[in-house]
Amino acid sequence: MYEVILDHPNKEEVLEEHHEQEDTTMEQLHTQLDASGNSNASVEPPLKILKMGFKSNKADHVSTSHEPKDISPPSTLTRKVVKTTSIEPNILLERKKLVLQIKNEELRAYKLQLEAFKMEREEMSVPNAPISTIEGLSHALKCNIIPNQEYLLQGSILDSQVEHLLHRLKGLCDNVDSGPEPFHDHEICFSLRGQNQQLQLRVRKAQDVDAPFQLRYIGQPEVGDRSRPTLIRSSIDISCTASVLEFLTELGCRIDFEYANRGYMFRKGRMKITVSKIFKVGGLQPTDPISQSYLVELSILAPSGQDVIGEEMRILAEQLKPLVQLEKIDYKRAL
């Protein structure tokens, strides 16, 4: 632009006109800025307005005038509105989801506390509410916590060899320091005959210690196939008073046989090993032994479904060979 002015014959007049145009342009710019403070109208940047003014003046001297196009960018206020409208809805949605999740968790925790409080109030209102035996037994059976299965291996050893077996068991079992636990029991077997089956119940009373009577139910033994290492039978023991004999008699049970069992008991983990001699009973005192050998029994009481126990028993039975041969005995075949 200034090159055109310098080439003009009347330079001084042209310069004065340009100064006047610049002053006019600046006044217009201030007017527009004052108006934009109270409205949302877009404002032209000063540099672009000056450039457009210079271009128009140069075009007057060079060629025909062309009005400048409105290429003004949106104002800063408009830009802020565009940015917030594109980002703000997602943020608000995430915040609402988070707040809703927190409220749901608080409500769930409050419900749990309310239920626990109600249970405590009920227990306080009825502190000694009795639970029936049938309900407790059925609940225990459902939870599979009652040791109602007996895993059993049996054998016998002559009187002359029993001391060697006792020494072997002292070294293998847990009660090494204290030695074996002696016992002396009197056992009576009752039977209740029905139409198609026979129920057997046994009452045991310890003769060497002051202990309550034991009522025991033993079911039919299950030998199973050859892969099963032990015999399995149902077994339930409960403590009772001396009136159990009279009670069973009133029920219609009859005494099949009775005997005295005297010997030693060893423990290895949850396994129980008994080495005992069986005597005939005349009244309540043992008289003569039935045989010239000792009965050896290896057993475990456990809940049903724990067949892995049989493998532990088989390993211990192998360690007692050749002194005693522990095996599962099928009484039906023996008879």
C-alpha atoms as a PDB file:
ATOM      1  CA  MET A   1       0.000   0.000   0.000  1.00  0.00           C
ATOM      2  CA  TYR A   2       2.749   2.427   0.962  1.00  0.00           C
ATOM      3  CA  GLU A   3       4.516   1.704  -2.358  1.00  0.00           C
ATOM      4  CA  VAL A   4       1.379   2.934  -4.183  1.00  0.00           C
ATOM      5  CA  ILE A   5       1.312   6.103  -2.088  1.00  0.00           C
ATOM      6  CA  LEU A   6       4.957   6.891  -2.774  1.00  0.00           C
ATOM      7  CA  ASP A   7       4.397   6.543  -6.531  1.00  0.00           C
ATOM      8  CA  HIS A   8       1.365   8.847  -6.423  1.00  0.00           C
ATOM      9  CA  PRO A   9       1.999  12.465  -7.651  1.00  0.00           C
ATOM     10  CA  ASN A  10       0.106  14.005  -4.692  1.00  0.00           C
ATOM     11  CA  LYS A  11       1.640  11.939  -1.883  1.00  0.00           C
ATOM     12  CA  GLU A  12       0.979  14.335   0.924  1.00  0.00           C
ATOM     13  CA  GLU A  13      -2.756  14.598   0.225  1.00  0.00           C
ATOM     14  CA  VAL A  14      -3.076  10.845  -0.103  1.00  0.00           C
ATOM     15  CA  LEU A  15      -1.272  10.282   3.208  1.00  0.00           C
ATOM     16  CA  GLU A  16      -3.605  12.682   4.983  1.00  0.00           C
ATOM     17  CA  GLU A  17      -6.610  10.852   3.513  1.00  0.00           C
ATOM     18  CA  HIS A  18      -5.255   7.544   4.730  1.00  0.00           C
ATOM     19  CA  HIS A  19      -4.681   8.900   8.240  1.00  0.00           C
ATOM     20  CA  GLU A  20      -8.246  10.161   8.294  1.00  0.00           C
ATOM     21  CA  GLN A  21      -9.520   6.748   7.129  1.00  0.00           C
ATOM     22  CA  GLU A  22      -7.515   5.025   9.864  1.00  0.00           C
ATOM     23  CA  ASP A  23      -8.959   7.327  12.535  1.00  0.00           C
ATOM     24  CA  THR A  24     -12.459   6.690  11.194  1.00  0.00           C
ATOM     25  CA  THR A  25     -11.866   2.946  11.206  1.00  0.00           C
ATOM     26  CA  MET A  26     -10.620   3.001  14.832  1.00  0.00           C
ATOM     27  CA  GLU A  27     -13.673   4.988  15.922  1.00  0.00           C
ATOM     28  CA  GLN A  28     -15.942   2.432  14.212  1.00  0.00           C
ATOM     29  CA  LEU A  29     -14.021  -0.332  15.953  1.00  0.00           C
ATOM     30  CA  HIS A  30     -14.498   1.260  19.401  1.00  0.00           C
ATOM     31  CA  THR A  31     -18.190   1.729  18.667  1.00  0.00           C
ATOM     32  CA  GLN A  32     -18.584  -1.930  17.730  1.00  0.00           C
ATOM     33  CA  LEU A  33     -16.692  -3.062  20.843  1.00  0.00           C
ATOM     34  CA  ASP A  34     -18.948  -0.964  23.086  1.00  0.00           C
ATOM     35  CA  ALA A  35     -22.031  -2.421  21.383  1.00  0.00           C
ATOM     36  CA  SER A  36     -20.746  -5.992  21.709  1.00  0.00           C
ATOM     37  CA  GLY A  37     -20.446  -5.661  25.476  1.00  0.00           C
ATOM     38  CA  ASN A  38     -24.263  -5.576  25.785  1.00  0.00           C
ATOM     39  CA  SER A  39     -25.114  -8.104  23.056  1.00  0.00           C
ATOM     40  CA  ASN A  40     -23.950 -11.421  21.628  1.00  0.00           C
ATOM     41  CA  ALA A  41     -23.035  -9.935  18.226  1.00  0.00           C
ATOM     42  CA  SER A  42     -19.735 -10.973  16.754  1.00  0.00           C
ATOM     43  CA  VAL A  43     -16.878  -8.406  16.727  1.00  0.00           C
ATOM     44  CA  GLU A  44     -14.339  -8.126  13.933  1.00  0.00           C
ATOM     45  CA  PRO A  45     -10.718  -8.376  15.031  1.00  0.00           C
ATOM     46  CA  PRO A  46      -8.876  -5.044  14.686  1.00  0.00           C
ATOM     47  CA  LEU A  47      -6.118  -6.413  12.484  1.00  0.00           C
ATOM     48  CA  LYS A  48      -8.579  -7.835   9.952  1.00  0.00           C
ATOM     49  CA  ILE A  49     -10.587  -4.588   9.850  1.00  0.00           C
ATOM     50  CA  LEU A  50      -7.433  -2.595   9.170  1.00  0.00           C
ATOM     51  CA  LYS A  51      -6.350  -5.044   6.486  1.00  0.00           C
ATOM     52  CA  MET A  52      -9.759  -4.888   4.818  1.00  0.00           C
ATOM     53  CA  GLY A  53      -9.573  -1.086   4.903  1.00  0.00           C
ATOM     54  CA  PHE A  54      -6.147  -1.092   3.298  1.00  0.00           C
ATOM     55  CA  LYS A  55      -7.266  -3.579   0.665  1.00  0.00           C
ATOM     56  CA  SER A  56     -10.286  -1.478  -0.215  1.00  0.00           C
ATOM     57  CA  ASN A  57      -8.186   1.658  -0.549  1.00  0.00           C
ATOM     58  CA  LYS A  58      -5.663  -0.107  -2.708  1.00  0.00           C
ATOM     59  CA  ALA A  59      -8.463  -1.474  -4.843  1.00  0.00           C
ATOM     60  CA  ASP A  60      -9.793   2.080  -5.354  1.00  0.00           C
ATOM     61  CA  HIS A  61      -6.533   3.103  -6.968  1.00  0.00           C
ATOM     62  CA  VAL A  62      -5.872  -0.139  -8.765  1.00  0.00           C
ATOM     63  CA  SER A  63      -9.181  -1.682  -9.794  1.00  0.00           C
ATOM     64  CA  THR A  64     -12.873  -1.643  -9.020  1.00  0.00           C
ATOM     65  CA  SER A  65     -13.954  -1.998  -5.373  1.00  0.00           C
ATOM     66  CA  HIS A  66     -15.118  -5.309  -3.979  1.00  0.00           C
ATOM     67  CA  GLU A  67     -16.882  -5.526  -0.646  1.00  0.00           C
ATOM     68  CA  PRO A  68     -15.095  -7.826   1.820  1.00  0.00           C
ATOM     69  CA  LYS A  69     -16.776 -11.031   2.750  1.00  0.00           C
ATOM     70  CA  ASP A  70     -17.851 -11.641   6.326  1.00  0.00           C
ATOM     71  CA  ILE A  71     -15.254 -14.153   7.458  1.00  0.00           C
ATOM     72  CA  SER A  72     -15.274 -13.166  11.096  1.00  0.00           C
ATOM     73  CA  PRO A  73     -14.802 -16.172  13.426  1.00  0.00           C
ATOM     74  CA  PRO A  74     -17.361 -16.855  16.162  1.00  0.00           C
ATOM     75  CA  SER A  75     -16.828 -14.976  19.387  1.00  0.00           C
ATOM     76  CA  THR A  76     -15.289 -16.526  22.520  1.00  0.00           C
ATOM     77  CA  LEU A  77     -18.694 -16.711  24.162  1.00  0.00           C
ATOM     78  CA  THR A  78     -20.070 -18.814  21.316  1.00  0.00           C
ATOM     79  CA  ARG A  79     -17.059 -21.165  21.498  1.00  0.00           C
ATOM     80  CA  LYS A  80     -17.586 -21.801  25.208  1.00  0.00           C
ATOM     81  CA  VAL A  81     -21.212 -22.723  24.656  1.00  0.00           C
ATOM     82  CA  VAL A  82     -20.307 -25.205  21.915  1.00  0.00           C
ATOM     83  CA  LYS A  83     -17.693 -26.949  24.072  1.00  0.00           C
ATOM     84  CA  THR A  84     -19.915 -27.307  27.123  1.00  0.00           C
ATOM     85  CA  THR A  85     -22.835 -28.666  25.164  1.00  0.00           C
ATOM     86  CA  SER A  86     -20.683 -31.455  23.665  1.00  0.00           C
ATOM     87  CA  ILE A  87     -18.987 -32.620  26.918  1.00  0.00           C
ATOM     88  CA  GLU A  88     -21.349 -31.753  29.753  1.00  0.00           C
ATOM     89  CA  PRO A  89     -24.136 -34.345  29.073  1.00  0.00           C
ATOM     90  CA  ASN A  90     -21.711 -37.307  29.278  1.00  0.00           C
ATOM     91  CA  ILE A  91     -20.203 -36.072  32.546  1.00  0.00           C
ATOM     92  CA  LEU A  92     -23.615 -35.467  34.074  1.00  0.00           C
ATOM     93  CA  LEU A  93     -24.800 -38.938  33.025  1.00  0.00           C
ATOM     94  CA  GLU A  94     -21.764 -40.622  34.595  1.00  0.00           C
ATOM     95  CA  ARG A  95     -22.221 -38.643  37.806  1.00  0.00           C
ATOM     96  CA  LYS A  96     -25.891 -39.603  38.000  1.00  0.00           C
ATOM     97  CA  LYS A  97     -25.018 -43.294  37.522  1.00  0.00           C
ATOM     98  CA  LEU A  98     -22.361 -43.116  40.255  1.00  0.00           C
ATOM     99  CA  VAL A  99     -24.722 -41.400  42.697  1.00  0.00           C
ATOM    100  CA  LEU A 100     -27.447 -43.974  41.958  1.00  0.00           C
ATOM    101  CA  GLN A 101     -25.029 -46.869  42.530  1.00  0.00           C
ATOM    102  CA  ILE A 102     -23.896 -45.421  45.879  1.00  0.00           C
ATOM    103  CA  LYS A 103     -27.505 -44.987  46.981  1.00  0.00           C
ATOM    104  CA  ASN A 104     -28.341 -48.594  46.049  1.00  0.00           C
ATOM    105  CA  GLU A 105     -25.376 -49.892  48.062  1.00  0.00           C
ATOM    106  CA  GLU A 106     -26.359 -47.800  51.055  1.00  0.00           C
ATOM    107  CA  LEU A 107     -29.926 -49.083  50.816  1.00  0.00           C
ATOM    108  CA  ARG A 108     -28.746 -52.712  50.629  1.00  0.00           C
ATOM    109  CA  ALA A 109     -26.494 -52.261  53.674  1.00  0.00           C
ATOM    110  CA  TYR A 110     -29.346 -50.648  55.572  1.00  0.00           C
ATOM    111  CA  LYS A 111     -31.660 -53.587  54.780  1.00  0.00           C
ATOM    112  CA  LEU A 112     -29.051 -56.066  56.032  1.00  0.00           C
ATOM    113  CA  GLN A 113     -28.614 -54.121  59.261  1.00  0.00           C
ATOM    114  CA  LEU A 114     -32.384 -53.987  59.703  1.00  0.00           C
ATOM    115  CA  GLU A 115     -32.727 -57.758  59.276  1.00  0.00           C
ATOM    116  CA  ALA A 116     -29.904 -58.406  61.751  1.00  0.00           C
ATOM    117  CA  PHE A 117     -31.545 -56.037  64.219  1.00  0.00           C
ATOM    118  CA  LYS A 118     -34.882 -57.846  63.857  1.00  0.00           C
ATOM    119  CA  MET A 119     -33.224 -61.201  64.471  1.00  0.00           C
ATOM    120  CA  GLU A 120     -31.523 -59.869  67.605  1.00  0.00           C
ATOM    121  CA  ARG A 121     -34.824 -58.476  68.872  1.00  0.00           C
ATOM    122  CA  GLU A 122     -36.521 -61.815  68.310  1.00  0.00           C
ATOM    123  CA  GLU A 123     -33.752 -63.656  70.169  1.00  0.00           C
ATOM    124  CA  MET A 124     -33.975 -61.173  73.039  1.00  0.00           C
ATOM    125  CA  SER A 125     -37.744 -61.460  73.212  1.00  0.00           C
ATOM    126  CA  VAL A 126     -37.589 -65.289  73.302  1.00  0.00           C
ATOM    127  CA  PRO A 127     -34.153 -66.100  74.796  1.00  0.00           C
ATOM    128  CA  ASN A 128     -34.823 -69.758  75.553  1.00  0.00           C
ATOM    129  CA  ALA A 129     -36.924 -70.714  72.554  1.00  0.00           C
ATOM    130  CA  PRO A 130     -36.582 -74.496  72.277  1.00  0.00           C
ATOM    131  CA  ILE A 131     -35.713 -76.129  68.965  1.00  0.00           C
ATOM    132  CA  SER A 132     -37.301 -79.500  68.415  1.00  0.00           C
ATOM    133  CA  THR A 133     -35.021 -82.513  68.071  1.00  0.00           C
ATOM    134  CA  ILE A 134     -36.490 -83.448  64.700  1.00  0.00           C
ATOM    135  CA  GLU A 135     -35.847 -79.968  63.276  1.00  0.00           C
ATOM    136  CA  GLY A 136     -32.263 -79.947  64.542  1.00  0.00           C
ATOM    137  CA  LEU A 137     -31.593 -83.439  63.233  1.00  0.00           C
ATOM    138  CA  SER A 138     -33.086 -82.721  59.805  1.00  0.00           C
ATOM    139  CA  HIS A 139     -31.049 -79.519  59.516  1.00  0.00           C
ATOM    140  CA  ALA A 140     -27.861 -81.362  60.470  1.00  0.00           C
ATOM    141  CA  LEU A 141     -28.566 -84.080  57.910  1.00  0.00           C
ATOM    142  CA  LYS A 142     -29.104 -81.504  55.165  1.00  0.00           C
ATOM    143  CA  CYS A 143     -25.807 -79.812  56.036  1.00  0.00           C
ATOM    144  CA  ASN A 144     -24.094 -83.244  56.107  1.00  0.00           C
ATOM    145  CA  ILE A 145     -22.366 -82.658  59.453  1.00  0.00           C
ATOM    146  CA  ILE A 146     -23.503 -85.797  61.305  1.00  0.00           C
ATOM    147  CA  PRO A 147     -20.924 -88.626  61.353  1.00  0.00           C
ATOM    148  CA  ASN A 148     -23.461 -91.330  60.505  1.00  0.00           C
ATOM    149  CA  GLN A 149     -21.253 -93.632  58.425  1.00  0.00           C
ATOM    150  CA  GLU A 150     -18.788 -96.128  59.898  1.00  0.00           C
ATOM    151  CA  TYR A 151     -15.892 -97.328  57.729  1.00  0.00           C
ATOM    152  CA  LEU A 152     -14.729-100.668  59.128  1.00  0.00           C
ATOM    153  CA  LEU A 153     -11.969-103.268  58.730  1.00  0.00           C
ATOM    154  CA  GLN A 154     -11.783-106.329  61.003  1.00  0.00           C
ATOM    155  CA  GLY A 155      -9.363-109.107  61.808  1.00  0.00           C
ATOM    156  CA  SER A 156      -8.138-111.361  64.648  1.00  0.00           C
ATOM    157  CA  ILE A 157      -4.845-112.323  66.276  1.00  0.00           C
ATOM    158  CA  LEU A 158      -3.898-115.141  68.629  1.00  0.00           C
ATOM    159  CA  ASP A 159      -3.311-114.506  72.305  1.00  0.00           C
ATOM    160  CA  SER A 160       0.360-115.483  71.958  1.00  0.00           C
ATOM    161  CA  GLN A 161       1.001-112.752  69.310  1.00  0.00           C
ATOM    162  CA  VAL A 162      -1.033-109.908  70.727  1.00  0.00           C
ATOM    163  CA  GLU A 163       1.929-108.317  72.560  1.00  0.00           C
ATOM    164  CA  HIS A 164       3.801-107.855  69.261  1.00  0.00           C
ATOM    165  CA  LEU A 165       0.762-106.168  67.768  1.00  0.00           C
ATOM    166  CA  LEU A 166       0.467-103.824  70.757  1.00  0.00           C
ATOM    167  CA  HIS A 167       4.123-102.779  70.382  1.00  0.00           C
ATOM    168  CA  ARG A 168       3.614-102.164  66.657  1.00  0.00           C
ATOM    169  CA  LEU A 169       0.558 -99.997  67.330  1.00  0.00           C
ATOM    170  CA  LYS A 170       2.383 -97.997  69.999  1.00  0.00           C
ATOM    171  CA  GLY A 171       4.941 -97.003  67.392  1.00  0.00           C
ATOM    172  CA  LEU A 172       2.427 -96.188  64.656  1.00  0.00           C
ATOM    173  CA  CYS A 173      -0.327 -94.417  66.586  1.00  0.00           C
ATOM    174  CA  ASP A 174      -0.529 -90.986  68.216  1.00  0.00           C
ATOM    175  CA  ASN A 175      -0.712 -91.829  71.931  1.00  0.00           C
ATOM    176  CA  VAL A 176       2.915 -93.000  72.155  1.00  0.00           C
ATOM    177  CA  ASP A 177       3.829 -91.350  75.483  1.00  0.00           C
ATOM    178  CA  SER A 178       0.621 -92.119  77.363  1.00  0.00           C
ATOM    179  CA  GLY A 179       0.286 -95.624  75.982  1.00  0.00           C
ATOM    180  CA  PRO A 180      -2.926 -97.353  74.913  1.00  0.00           C
ATOM    181  CA  GLU A 181      -6.247 -96.510  76.520  1.00  0.00           C
ATOM    182  CA  PRO A 182      -7.810 -99.530  78.283  1.00  0.00           C
ATOM    183  CA  PHE A 183     -11.559-100.059  78.222  1.00  0.00           C
ATOM    184  CA  HIS A 184     -14.070-102.523  79.641  1.00  0.00           C
ATOM    185  CA  ASP A 185     -17.607-102.394  78.262  1.00  0.00           C
ATOM    186  CA  HIS A 186     -20.770-104.410  78.690  1.00  0.00           C
ATOM    187  CA  GLU A 187     -22.931-104.492  75.554  1.00  0.00           C
ATOM    188  CA  ILE A 188     -26.510-105.749  75.101  1.00  0.00           C
ATOM    189  CA  CYS A 189     -28.032-106.236  71.644  1.00  0.00           C
ATOM    190  CA  PHE A 190     -31.804-105.650  71.204  1.00  0.00           C
ATOM    191  CA  SER A 191     -33.867-106.417  68.115  1.00  0.00           C
ATOM    192  CA  LEU A 192     -37.272-105.166  67.046  1.00  0.00           C
ATOM    193  CA  ARG A 193     -38.843-107.377  64.440  1.00  0.00           C
ATOM    194  CA  GLY A 194     -41.246-105.942  61.894  1.00  0.00           C
ATOM    195  CA  GLN A 195     -43.102-107.403  58.964  1.00  0.00           C
ATOM    196  CA  ASN A 196     -40.295-107.341  56.418  1.00  0.00           C
ATOM    197  CA  GLN A 197     -37.239-106.128  58.347  1.00  0.00           C
ATOM    198  CA  GLN A 198     -35.457-106.300  61.667  1.00  0.00           C
ATOM    199  CA  LEU A 199     -34.103-103.338  63.590  1.00  0.00           C
ATOM    200  CA  GLN A 200     -31.059-103.850  65.836  1.00  0.00           C
ATOM    201  CA  LEU A 201     -30.134-101.534  68.685  1.00  0.00           C
ATOM    202  CA  ARG A 202     -27.206-101.907  71.056  1.00  0.00           C
ATOM    203  CA  VAL A 203     -26.825-100.531  74.574  1.00  0.00           C
ATOM    204  CA  ARG A 204     -23.299-100.154  75.904  1.00  0.00           C
ATOM    205  CA  LYS A 205     -22.227 -99.375  79.477  1.00  0.00           C
ATOM    206  CA  ALA A 206     -18.640 -98.687  80.533  1.00  0.00           C
ATOM    207  CA  GLN A 207     -17.574-100.794  83.531  1.00  0.00           C
ATOM    208  CA  ASP A 208     -14.237 -99.149  84.347  1.00  0.00           C
ATOM    209  CA  VAL A 209     -15.272 -95.445  84.324  1.00  0.00           C
ATOM    210  CA  ASP A 210     -18.334 -93.493  85.374  1.00  0.00           C
ATOM    211  CA  ALA A 211     -19.964 -92.732  82.015  1.00  0.00           C
ATOM    212  CA  PRO A 212     -23.572 -92.640  80.765  1.00  0.00           C
ATOM    213  CA  PHE A 213     -25.174 -95.444  78.786  1.00  0.00           C
ATOM    214  CA  GLN A 214     -24.655 -95.406  75.028  1.00  0.00           C
ATOM    215  CA  LEU A 215     -27.477 -96.330  72.641  1.00  0.00           C
ATOM    216  CA  ARG A 216     -26.155 -97.338  69.248  1.00  0.00           C
ATOM    217  CA  TYR A 217     -27.847 -98.094  65.954  1.00  0.00           C
ATOM    218  CA  ILE A 218     -25.923-100.156  63.382  1.00  0.00           C
ATOM    219  CA  GLY A 219     -27.323-100.613  59.889  1.00  0.00           C
ATOM    220  CA  GLN A 220     -26.731-103.315  57.329  1.00  0.00           C
ATOM    221  CA  PRO A 221     -23.119-103.436  56.104  1.00  0.00           C
ATOM    222  CA  GLU A 222     -22.328-102.536  52.495  1.00  0.00           C
ATOM    223  CA  VAL A 223     -19.431-104.516  51.103  1.00  0.00           C
ATOM    224  CA  GLY A 224     -19.440-102.942  47.648  1.00  0.00           C
ATOM    225  CA  ASP A 225     -17.085-103.925  44.836  1.00  0.00           C
ATOM    226  CA  ARG A 226     -13.424-104.848  45.036  1.00  0.00           C
ATOM    227  CA  SER A 227     -12.262-101.276  44.471  1.00  0.00           C
ATOM    228  CA  ARG A 228     -13.801-100.213  47.804  1.00  0.00           C
ATOM    229  CA  PRO A 229     -11.166-100.938  50.486  1.00  0.00           C
ATOM    230  CA  THR A 230     -13.475-100.916  53.519  1.00  0.00           C
ATOM    231  CA  LEU A 231     -16.878-102.059  54.662  1.00  0.00           C
ATOM    232  CA  ILE A 232     -19.437 -99.263  55.179  1.00  0.00           C
ATOM    233  CA  ARG A 233     -22.435 -99.309  57.505  1.00  0.00           C
ATOM    234  CA  SER A 234     -24.720 -96.744  59.074  1.00  0.00           C
ATOM    235  CA  SER A 235     -23.951 -95.991  62.712  1.00  0.00           C
ATOM    236  CA  ILE A 236     -25.481 -93.501  65.150  1.00  0.00           C
ATOM    237  CA  ASP A 237     -24.465 -93.184  68.835  1.00  0.00           C
ATOM    238  CA  ILE A 238     -26.320 -91.194  71.494  1.00  0.00           C
ATOM    239  CA  SER A 239     -25.922 -90.894  75.261  1.00  0.00           C
ATOM    240  CA  CYS A 240     -28.808 -91.890  77.494  1.00  0.00           C
ATOM    241  CA  THR A 241     -29.708 -92.824  81.047  1.00  0.00           C
ATOM    242  CA  ALA A 242     -30.081 -96.236  82.684  1.00  0.00           C
ATOM    243  CA  SER A 243     -33.826 -96.212  81.950  1.00  0.00           C
ATOM    244  CA  VAL A 244     -33.061 -96.969  78.307  1.00  0.00           C
ATOM    245  CA  LEU A 245     -33.228-100.712  79.037  1.00  0.00           C
ATOM    246  CA  GLU A 246     -36.751-100.425  80.389  1.00  0.00           C
ATOM    247  CA  PHE A 247     -37.740 -98.082  77.561  1.00  0.00           C
ATOM    248  CA  LEU A 248     -36.616-100.510  74.833  1.00  0.00           C
ATOM    249  CA  THR A 249     -38.414-103.373  76.579  1.00  0.00           C
ATOM    250  CA  GLU A 250     -41.647-101.362  76.650  1.00  0.00           C
ATOM    251  CA  LEU A 251     -41.247-100.699  72.927  1.00  0.00           C
ATOM    252  CA  GLY A 252     -41.279-104.433  72.274  1.00  0.00           C
ATOM    253  CA  CYS A 253     -37.554-104.988  71.753  1.00  0.00           C
ATOM    254  CA  ARG A 254     -36.092-108.344  72.794  1.00  0.00           C
ATOM    255  CA  ILE A 255     -32.576-109.165  73.941  1.00  0.00           C
ATOM    256  CA  ASP A 256     -30.725-111.218  71.347  1.00  0.00           C
ATOM    257  CA  PHE A 257     -27.357-111.523  73.085  1.00  0.00           C
ATOM    258  CA  GLU A 258     -24.958-109.726  75.384  1.00  0.00           C
ATOM    259  CA  TYR A 259     -21.224-109.853  75.995  1.00  0.00           C
ATOM    260  CA  ALA A 260     -18.349-108.076  77.727  1.00  0.00           C
ATOM    261  CA  ASN A 261     -15.582-106.466  75.709  1.00  0.00           C
ATOM    262  CA  ARG A 262     -12.221-105.771  77.356  1.00  0.00           C
ATOM    263  CA  GLY A 263      -9.063-104.498  75.664  1.00  0.00           C
ATOM    264  CA  TYR A 264      -7.097-101.457  74.458  1.00  0.00           C
ATOM    265  CA  MET A 265      -7.887 -98.554  72.153  1.00  0.00           C
ATOM    266  CA  PHE A 266      -5.402 -96.633  69.960  1.00  0.00           C
ATOM    267  CA  ARG A 267      -5.902 -93.506  67.851  1.00  0.00           C
ATOM    268  CA  LYS A 268      -4.139 -92.337  64.698  1.00  0.00           C
ATOM    269  CA  GLY A 269      -5.638 -89.106  63.447  1.00  0.00           C
ATOM    270  CA  ARG A 270      -9.344 -89.765  63.147  1.00  0.00           C
ATOM    271  CA  MET A 271      -8.883 -93.524  62.949  1.00  0.00           C
ATOM    272  CA  LYS A 272      -9.651 -95.731  65.959  1.00  0.00           C
ATOM    273  CA  ILE A 273      -8.012 -99.132  66.485  1.00  0.00           C
ATOM    274  CA  THR A 274      -9.306-101.496  69.152  1.00  0.00           C
ATOM    275  CA  VAL A 275      -7.682-104.750  70.287  1.00  0.00           C
ATOM    276  CA  SER A 276     -10.166-106.501  72.556  1.00  0.00           C
ATOM    277  CA  LYS A 277     -11.185-109.871  73.911  1.00  0.00           C
ATOM    278  CA  ILE A 278     -14.842-110.920  74.098  1.00  0.00           C
ATOM    279  CA  PHE A 279     -16.199-112.666  77.201  1.00  0.00           C
ATOM    280  CA  LYS A 280     -19.452-114.400  78.004  1.00  0.00           C
ATOM    281  CA  VAL A 281     -21.632-112.654  80.535  1.00  0.00           C
ATOM    282  CA  GLY A 282     -23.398-114.227  83.504  1.00  0.00           C
ATOM    283  CA  GLY A 283     -25.424-111.447  85.058  1.00  0.00           C
ATOM    284  CA  LEU A 284     -23.293-108.306  84.827  1.00  0.00           C
ATOM    285  CA  GLN A 285     -19.831-109.830  85.256  1.00  0.00           C
ATOM    286  CA  PRO A 286     -17.690-111.454  82.529  1.00  0.00           C
ATOM    287  CA  THR A 287     -16.995-115.130  83.001  1.00  0.00           C
ATOM    288  CA  ASP A 288     -15.189-117.064  80.263  1.00  0.00           C
ATOM    289  CA  PRO A 289     -13.590-115.850  77.021  1.00  0.00           C
ATOM    290  CA  ILE A 290     -15.368-116.858  73.841  1.00  0.00           C
ATOM    291  CA  SER A 291     -12.163-117.748  71.937  1.00  0.00           C
ATOM    292  CA  GLN A 292      -8.390-117.875  72.252  1.00  0.00           C
ATOM    293  CA  SER A 293      -7.850-114.806  70.102  1.00  0.00           C
ATOM    294  CA  TYR A 294      -8.320-111.034  70.171  1.00  0.00           C
ATOM    295  CA  LEU A 295     -10.638-109.079  67.891  1.00  0.00           C
ATOM    296  CA  VAL A 296      -8.902-106.220  66.014  1.00  0.00           C
ATOM    297  CA  GLU A 297     -11.070-103.462  64.533  1.00  0.00           C
ATOM    298  CA  LEU A 298     -10.025-100.387  62.532  1.00  0.00           C
ATOM    299  CA  SER A 299     -12.846 -97.868  62.105  1.00  0.00           C
ATOM    300  CA  ILE A 300     -13.683 -94.248  61.357  1.00  0.00           C
ATOM    301  CA  LEU A 301     -16.964 -92.401  61.956  1.00  0.00           C
ATOM    302  CA  ALA A 302     -17.543 -89.715  59.313  1.00  0.00           C
ATOM    303  CA  PRO A 303     -20.358 -88.038  57.344  1.00  0.00           C
ATOM    304  CA  SER A 304     -21.614 -89.832  54.268  1.00  0.00           C
ATOM    305  CA  GLY A 305     -19.838 -89.424  50.968  1.00  0.00           C
ATOM    306  CA  GLN A 306     -16.239 -89.407  52.243  1.00  0.00           C
ATOM    307  CA  ASP A 307     -14.988 -92.529  50.537  1.00  0.00           C
ATOM    308  CA  VAL A 308     -11.409 -91.204  50.472  1.00  0.00           C
ATOM    309  CA  ILE A 309     -11.127 -92.285  54.109  1.00  0.00           C
ATOM    310  CA  GLY A 310     -10.917 -95.907  53.010  1.00  0.00           C
ATOM    311  CA  GLU A 311      -7.534 -95.288  51.387  1.00  0.00           C
ATOM    312  CA  GLU A 312      -6.067 -94.043  54.697  1.00  0.00           C
ATOM    313  CA  MET A 313      -7.341 -97.141  56.454  1.00  0.00           C
ATOM    314  CA  ARG A 314      -5.922 -99.417  53.761  1.00  0.00           C
ATOM    315  CA  ILE A 315      -2.445 -97.881  54.189  1.00  0.00           C
ATOM    316  CA  LEU A 316      -2.494 -98.468  57.967  1.00  0.00           C
ATOM    317  CA  ALA A 317      -3.758-102.021  57.481  1.00  0.00           C
ATOM    318  CA  GLU A 318      -0.797-102.719  55.173  1.00  0.00           C
ATOM    319  CA  GLN A 319       1.592-101.549  57.897  1.00  0.00           C
ATOM    320  CA  LEU A 320       0.131-104.062  60.373  1.00  0.00           C
ATOM    321  CA  LYS A 321       0.810-107.038  58.122  1.00  0.00           C
ATOM    322  CA  PRO A 322       1.782-109.867  58.633  1.00  0.00           C
ATOM    323  CA  LEU A 323       0.816-109.715  62.317  1.00  0.00           C
ATOM    324  CA  VAL A 324      -2.860-109.240  61.533  1.00  0.00           C
ATOM    325  CA  GLN A 325      -4.878-109.345  58.315  1.00  0.00           C
ATOM    326  CA  LEU A 326      -7.480-106.562  58.373  1.00  0.00           C
ATOM    327  CA  GLU A 327     -10.161-106.906  55.720  1.00  0.00           C
ATOM    328  CA  LYS A 328     -13.826-106.246  55.070  1.00  0.00           C
ATOM    329  CA  ILE A 329     -15.893-109.240  56.143  1.00  0.00           C
ATOM    330  CA  ASP A 330     -19.154-110.124  54.444  1.00  0.00           C
ATOM    331  CA  TYR A 331     -21.209-111.684  57.259  1.00  0.00           C
ATOM    332  CA  LYS A 332     -23.869-112.969  54.898  1.00  0.00           C
ATOM    333  CA  ARG A 333     -21.344-115.133  53.079  1.00  0.00           C
ATOM    334  CA  ALA A 334     -19.707-116.220  56.333  1.00  0.00           C
ATOM    335  CA  LEU A 335     -23.022-117.524  57.620  1.00  0.00           C
END
